[in-house]
Amino acid sequence: MSIGWIVGSSLATVVLLAGIISLFIGIRKNIHRRWPWWFIGFGVAALVSATINYPGT
C-alpha cells in the first residue's frame, strides 16, 4: 500500500466524520449551517476517489 492512499483515505474519513458529527450537533441544537454538508460532500468524494485509485488493482 502506498502512503499517499493511506493518508488520503484517512483524511477523507476524518473530514467525513467531522461533517456528520457537526450536522447532528446542529440538528440537536436547532442550528442550520451549510458547512457540515460541504465537509460530508468532500469526504464522500475523496473516499470515492481513493477507492477508484486504490493501488492494488
PDB file of N, CA and C in Angstrom:
ATOM      1  N   MET A   1       0.840  -1.186   0.000  1.00  0.00           N
ATOM      2  CA  MET A   1       0.000   0.000   0.000  1.00  0.00           C
ATOM      3  C   MET A   1       0.877   1.238   0.000  1.00  0.00           C
ATOM      4  N   SER A   2       0.426   2.224  -0.724  1.00  0.00           N
ATOM      5  CA  SER A   2       1.207   3.450  -0.752  1.00  0.00           C
ATOM      6  C   SER A   2       0.786   4.374   0.395  1.00  0.00           C
ATOM      7  N   ILE A   3       1.725   5.164   0.837  1.00  0.00           N
ATOM      8  CA  ILE A   3       1.475   6.093   1.945  1.00  0.00           C
ATOM      9  C   ILE A   3       0.440   7.143   1.547  1.00  0.00           C
ATOM     10  N   GLY A   4       0.482   7.596   0.292  1.00  0.00           N
ATOM     11  CA  GLY A   4      -0.462   8.614  -0.175  1.00  0.00           C
ATOM     12  C   GLY A   4      -1.907   8.150  -0.081  1.00  0.00           C
ATOM     13  N   TRP A   5      -2.144   6.881  -0.427  1.00  0.00           N
ATOM     14  CA  TRP A   5      -3.509   6.363  -0.354  1.00  0.00           C
ATOM     15  C   TRP A   5      -3.977   6.264   1.092  1.00  0.00           C
ATOM     16  N   ILE A   6      -3.102   5.839   1.973  1.00  0.00           N
ATOM     17  CA  ILE A   6      -3.457   5.705   3.391  1.00  0.00           C
ATOM     18  C   ILE A   6      -3.758   7.071   3.992  1.00  0.00           C
ATOM     19  N   VAL A   7      -2.898   8.049   3.740  1.00  0.00           N
ATOM     20  CA  VAL A   7      -3.101   9.388   4.288  1.00  0.00           C
ATOM     21  C   VAL A   7      -4.354  10.026   3.693  1.00  0.00           C
ATOM     22  N   GLY A   8      -4.555   9.886   2.397  1.00  0.00           N
ATOM     23  CA  GLY A   8      -5.720  10.481   1.744  1.00  0.00           C
ATOM     24  C   GLY A   8      -7.025   9.895   2.235  1.00  0.00           C
ATOM     25  N   SER A   9      -7.093   8.599   2.337  1.00  0.00           N
ATOM     26  CA  SER A   9      -8.328   7.983   2.809  1.00  0.00           C
ATOM     27  C   SER A   9      -8.563   8.264   4.290  1.00  0.00           C
ATOM     28  N   SER A  10      -7.500   8.358   5.082  1.00  0.00           N
ATOM     29  CA  SER A  10      -7.655   8.697   6.494  1.00  0.00           C
ATOM     30  C   SER A  10      -8.163  10.124   6.664  1.00  0.00           C
ATOM     31  N   LEU A  11      -7.583  11.048   5.899  1.00  0.00           N
ATOM     32  CA  LEU A  11      -8.030  12.443   5.964  1.00  0.00           C
ATOM     33  C   LEU A  11      -9.474  12.567   5.501  1.00  0.00           C
ATOM     34  N   ALA A  12      -9.849  11.855   4.454  1.00  0.00           N
ATOM     35  CA  ALA A  12     -11.227  11.892   3.969  1.00  0.00           C
ATOM     36  C   ALA A  12     -12.188  11.360   5.025  1.00  0.00           C
ATOM     37  N   THR A  13     -11.792  10.304   5.712  1.00  0.00           N
ATOM     38  CA  THR A  13     -12.640   9.732   6.754  1.00  0.00           C
ATOM     39  C   THR A  13     -12.812  10.702   7.923  1.00  0.00           C
ATOM     40  N   VAL A  14     -11.733  11.363   8.307  1.00  0.00           N
ATOM     41  CA  VAL A  14     -11.804  12.335   9.408  1.00  0.00           C
ATOM     42  C   VAL A  14     -12.712  13.501   9.033  1.00  0.00           C
ATOM     43  N   VAL A  15     -12.574  14.011   7.811  1.00  0.00           N
ATOM     44  CA  VAL A  15     -13.407  15.134   7.373  1.00  0.00           C
ATOM     45  C   VAL A  15     -14.867  14.702   7.288  1.00  0.00           C
ATOM     46  N   LEU A  16     -15.123  13.509   6.792  1.00  0.00           N
ATOM     47  CA  LEU A  16     -16.487  12.998   6.705  1.00  0.00           C
ATOM     48  C   LEU A  16     -17.113  12.857   8.091  1.00  0.00           C
ATOM     49  N   LEU A  17     -16.374  12.287   9.028  1.00  0.00           N
ATOM     50  CA  LEU A  17     -16.893  12.139  10.389  1.00  0.00           C
ATOM     51  C   LEU A  17     -17.113  13.484  11.061  1.00  0.00           C
ATOM     52  N   ALA A  18     -16.226  14.456  10.824  1.00  0.00           N
ATOM     53  CA  ALA A  18     -16.407  15.787  11.398  1.00  0.00           C
ATOM     54  C   ALA A  18     -17.674  16.435  10.860  1.00  0.00           C
ATOM     55  N   GLY A  19     -17.930  16.267   9.581  1.00  0.00           N
ATOM     56  CA  GLY A  19     -19.148  16.818   8.994  1.00  0.00           C
ATOM     57  C   GLY A  19     -20.401  16.169   9.548  1.00  0.00           C
ATOM     58  N   ILE A  20     -20.382  14.854   9.691  1.00  0.00           N
ATOM     59  CA  ILE A  20     -21.559  14.143  10.206  1.00  0.00           C
ATOM     60  C   ILE A  20     -21.816  14.514  11.660  1.00  0.00           C
ATOM     61  N   ILE A  21     -20.770  14.553  12.464  1.00  0.00           N
ATOM     62  CA  ILE A  21     -20.935  14.907  13.880  1.00  0.00           C
ATOM     63  C   ILE A  21     -21.429  16.344  14.016  1.00  0.00           C
ATOM     64  N   SER A  22     -20.868  17.265  13.236  1.00  0.00           N
ATOM     65  CA  SER A  22     -21.303  18.660  13.301  1.00  0.00           C
ATOM     66  C   SER A  22     -22.744  18.816  12.835  1.00  0.00           C
ATOM     67  N   LEU A  23     -23.132  18.034  11.845  1.00  0.00           N
ATOM     68  CA  LEU A  23     -24.511  18.088  11.369  1.00  0.00           C
ATOM     69  C   LEU A  23     -25.479  17.628  12.460  1.00  0.00           C
ATOM     70  N   PHE A  24     -25.150  16.527  13.141  1.00  0.00           N
ATOM     71  CA  PHE A  24     -26.026  16.032  14.199  1.00  0.00           C
ATOM     72  C   PHE A  24     -26.080  16.988  15.387  1.00  0.00           C
ATOM     73  N   ILE A  25     -24.961  17.603  15.723  1.00  0.00           N
ATOM     74  CA  ILE A  25     -24.964  18.589  16.808  1.00  0.00           C
ATOM     75  C   ILE A  25     -25.826  19.787  16.429  1.00  0.00           C
ATOM     76  N   GLY A  26     -25.711  20.231  15.169  1.00  0.00           N
ATOM     77  CA  GLY A  26     -26.530  21.347  14.702  1.00  0.00           C
ATOM     78  C   GLY A  26     -28.006  21.023  14.707  1.00  0.00           C
ATOM     79  N   ILE A  27     -28.357  19.788  14.335  1.00  0.00           N
ATOM     80  CA  ILE A  27     -29.765  19.381  14.347  1.00  0.00           C
ATOM     81  C   ILE A  27     -30.293  19.355  15.775  1.00  0.00           C
ATOM     82  N   ARG A  28     -29.493  18.847  16.703  1.00  0.00           N
ATOM     83  CA  ARG A  28     -29.944  18.794  18.103  1.00  0.00           C
ATOM     84  C   ARG A  28     -30.117  20.169  18.707  1.00  0.00           C
ATOM     85  N   LYS A  29     -29.246  21.119  18.312  1.00  0.00           N
ATOM     86  CA  LYS A  29     -29.340  22.482  18.838  1.00  0.00           C
ATOM     87  C   LYS A  29     -30.223  23.380  17.970  1.00  0.00           C
ATOM     88  N   ASN A  30     -30.804  22.813  16.919  1.00  0.00           N
ATOM     89  CA  ASN A  30     -31.674  23.535  16.001  1.00  0.00           C
ATOM     90  C   ASN A  30     -30.945  24.702  15.337  1.00  0.00           C
ATOM     91  N   ILE A  31     -29.707  24.450  14.935  1.00  0.00           N
ATOM     92  CA  ILE A  31     -28.895  25.436  14.220  1.00  0.00           C
ATOM     93  C   ILE A  31     -28.683  24.900  12.809  1.00  0.00           C
ATOM     94  N   HIS A  32     -29.043  25.712  11.817  1.00  0.00           N
ATOM     95  CA  HIS A  32     -28.917  25.278  10.430  1.00  0.00           C
ATOM     96  C   HIS A  32     -27.712  25.952   9.798  1.00  0.00           C
ATOM     97  N   ARG A  33     -26.678  25.160   9.588  1.00  0.00           N
ATOM     98  CA  ARG A  33     -25.462  25.653   8.956  1.00  0.00           C
ATOM     99  C   ARG A  33     -25.215  24.863   7.684  1.00  0.00           C
ATOM    100  N   ARG A  34     -24.495  25.478   6.777  1.00  0.00           N
ATOM    101  CA  ARG A  34     -24.247  24.844   5.491  1.00  0.00           C
ATOM    102  C   ARG A  34     -22.912  24.117   5.446  1.00  0.00           C
ATOM    103  N   TRP A  35     -21.934  24.489   6.275  1.00  0.00           N
ATOM    104  CA  TRP A  35     -20.596  23.923   6.132  1.00  0.00           C
ATOM    105  C   TRP A  35     -20.494  22.435   6.463  1.00  0.00           C
ATOM    106  N   PRO A  36     -21.310  21.862   7.361  1.00  0.00           N
ATOM    107  CA  PRO A  36     -21.187  20.403   7.539  1.00  0.00           C
ATOM    108  C   PRO A  36     -21.510  19.625   6.265  1.00  0.00           C
ATOM    109  N   TRP A  37     -22.429  20.143   5.461  1.00  0.00           N
ATOM    110  CA  TRP A  37     -22.753  19.474   4.203  1.00  0.00           C
ATOM    111  C   TRP A  37     -21.582  19.524   3.229  1.00  0.00           C
ATOM    112  N   TRP A  38     -20.799  20.617   3.257  1.00  0.00           N
ATOM    113  CA  TRP A  38     -19.605  20.705   2.415  1.00  0.00           C
ATOM    114  C   TRP A  38     -18.572  19.681   2.864  1.00  0.00           C
ATOM    115  N   PHE A  39     -18.417  19.513   4.174  1.00  0.00           N
ATOM    116  CA  PHE A  39     -17.468  18.522   4.693  1.00  0.00           C
ATOM    117  C   PHE A  39     -17.899  17.108   4.294  1.00  0.00           C
ATOM    118  N   ILE A  40     -19.193  16.824   4.414  1.00  0.00           N
ATOM    119  CA  ILE A  40     -19.696  15.495   4.054  1.00  0.00           C
ATOM    120  C   ILE A  40     -19.481  15.239   2.562  1.00  0.00           C
ATOM    121  N   GLY A  41     -19.789  16.219   1.748  1.00  0.00           N
ATOM    122  CA  GLY A  41     -19.600  16.073   0.302  1.00  0.00           C
ATOM    123  C   GLY A  41     -18.142  15.862  -0.073  1.00  0.00           C
ATOM    124  N   PHE A  42     -17.253  16.638   0.544  1.00  0.00           N
ATOM    125  CA  PHE A  42     -15.830  16.484   0.274  1.00  0.00           C
ATOM    126  C   PHE A  42     -15.331  15.116   0.725  1.00  0.00           C
ATOM    127  N   GLY A  43     -15.760  14.677   1.905  1.00  0.00           N
ATOM    128  CA  GLY A  43     -15.321  13.376   2.421  1.00  0.00           C
ATOM    129  C   GLY A  43     -15.776  12.223   1.545  1.00  0.00           C
ATOM    130  N   VAL A  44     -17.026  12.270   1.086  1.00  0.00           N
ATOM    131  CA  VAL A  44     -17.538  11.208   0.212  1.00  0.00           C
ATOM    132  C   VAL A  44     -16.800  11.209  -1.117  1.00  0.00           C
ATOM    133  N   ALA A  45     -16.605  12.405  -1.688  1.00  0.00           N
ATOM    134  CA  ALA A  45     -15.901  12.486  -2.966  1.00  0.00           C
ATOM    135  C   ALA A  45     -14.458  11.989  -2.843  1.00  0.00           C
ATOM    136  N   ALA A  46     -13.795  12.332  -1.752  1.00  0.00           N
ATOM    137  CA  ALA A  46     -12.420  11.902  -1.550  1.00  0.00           C
ATOM    138  C   ALA A  46     -12.337  10.387  -1.334  1.00  0.00           C
ATOM    139  N   LEU A  47     -13.298   9.812  -0.622  1.00  0.00           N
ATOM    140  CA  LEU A  47     -13.293   8.359  -0.437  1.00  0.00           C
ATOM    141  C   LEU A  47     -13.581   7.623  -1.743  1.00  0.00           C
ATOM    142  N   VAL A  48     -14.483   8.150  -2.556  1.00  0.00           N
ATOM    143  CA  VAL A  48     -14.749   7.545  -3.860  1.00  0.00           C
ATOM    144  C   VAL A  48     -13.496   7.621  -4.728  1.00  0.00           C
ATOM    145  N   SER A  49     -12.824   8.757  -4.710  1.00  0.00           N
ATOM    146  CA  SER A  49     -11.594   8.914  -5.483  1.00  0.00           C
ATOM    147  C   SER A  49     -10.508   7.959  -4.985  1.00  0.00           C
ATOM    148  N   ALA A  50     -10.399   7.808  -3.676  1.00  0.00           N
ATOM    149  CA  ALA A  50      -9.404   6.886  -3.124  1.00  0.00           C
ATOM    150  C   ALA A  50      -9.716   5.444  -3.497  1.00  0.00           C
ATOM    151  N   THR A  51     -10.981   5.097  -3.529  1.00  0.00           N
ATOM    152  CA  THR A  51     -11.377   3.740  -3.902  1.00  0.00           C
ATOM    153  C   THR A  51     -11.064   3.473  -5.374  1.00  0.00           C
ATOM    154  N   ILE A  52     -11.339   4.454  -6.216  1.00  0.00           N
ATOM    155  CA  ILE A  52     -11.056   4.294  -7.647  1.00  0.00           C
ATOM    156  C   ILE A  52      -9.554   4.157  -7.876  1.00  0.00           C
ATOM    157  N   ASN A  53      -8.761   4.930  -7.155  1.00  0.00           N
ATOM    158  CA  ASN A  53      -7.304   4.960  -7.355  1.00  0.00           C
ATOM    159  C   ASN A  53      -6.558   4.015  -6.416  1.00  0.00           C
ATOM    160  N   TYR A  54      -7.244   3.019  -5.878  1.00  0.00           N
ATOM    161  CA  TYR A  54      -6.603   2.071  -4.972  1.00  0.00           C
ATOM    162  C   TYR A  54      -5.411   1.409  -5.688  1.00  0.00           C
ATOM    163  N   PRO A  55      -4.244   1.390  -5.050  1.00  0.00           N
ATOM    164  CA  PRO A  55      -3.037   0.907  -5.750  1.00  0.00           C
ATOM    165  C   PRO A  55      -2.999  -0.599  -5.994  1.00  0.00           C
ATOM    166  N   GLY A  56      -3.843  -1.371  -5.372  1.00  0.00           N
ATOM    167  CA  GLY A  56      -3.789  -2.815  -5.515  1.00  0.00           C
ATOM    168  C   GLY A  56      -4.330  -3.324  -6.837  1.00  0.00           C
ATOM    169  N   THR A  57      -5.145  -2.518  -7.500  1.00  0.00           N
ATOM    170  CA  THR A  57      -5.744  -3.011  -8.746  1.00  0.00           C
ATOM    171  C   THR A  57      -5.222  -2.277  -9.944  1.00  0.00           C
TER     172      THR A  57
END
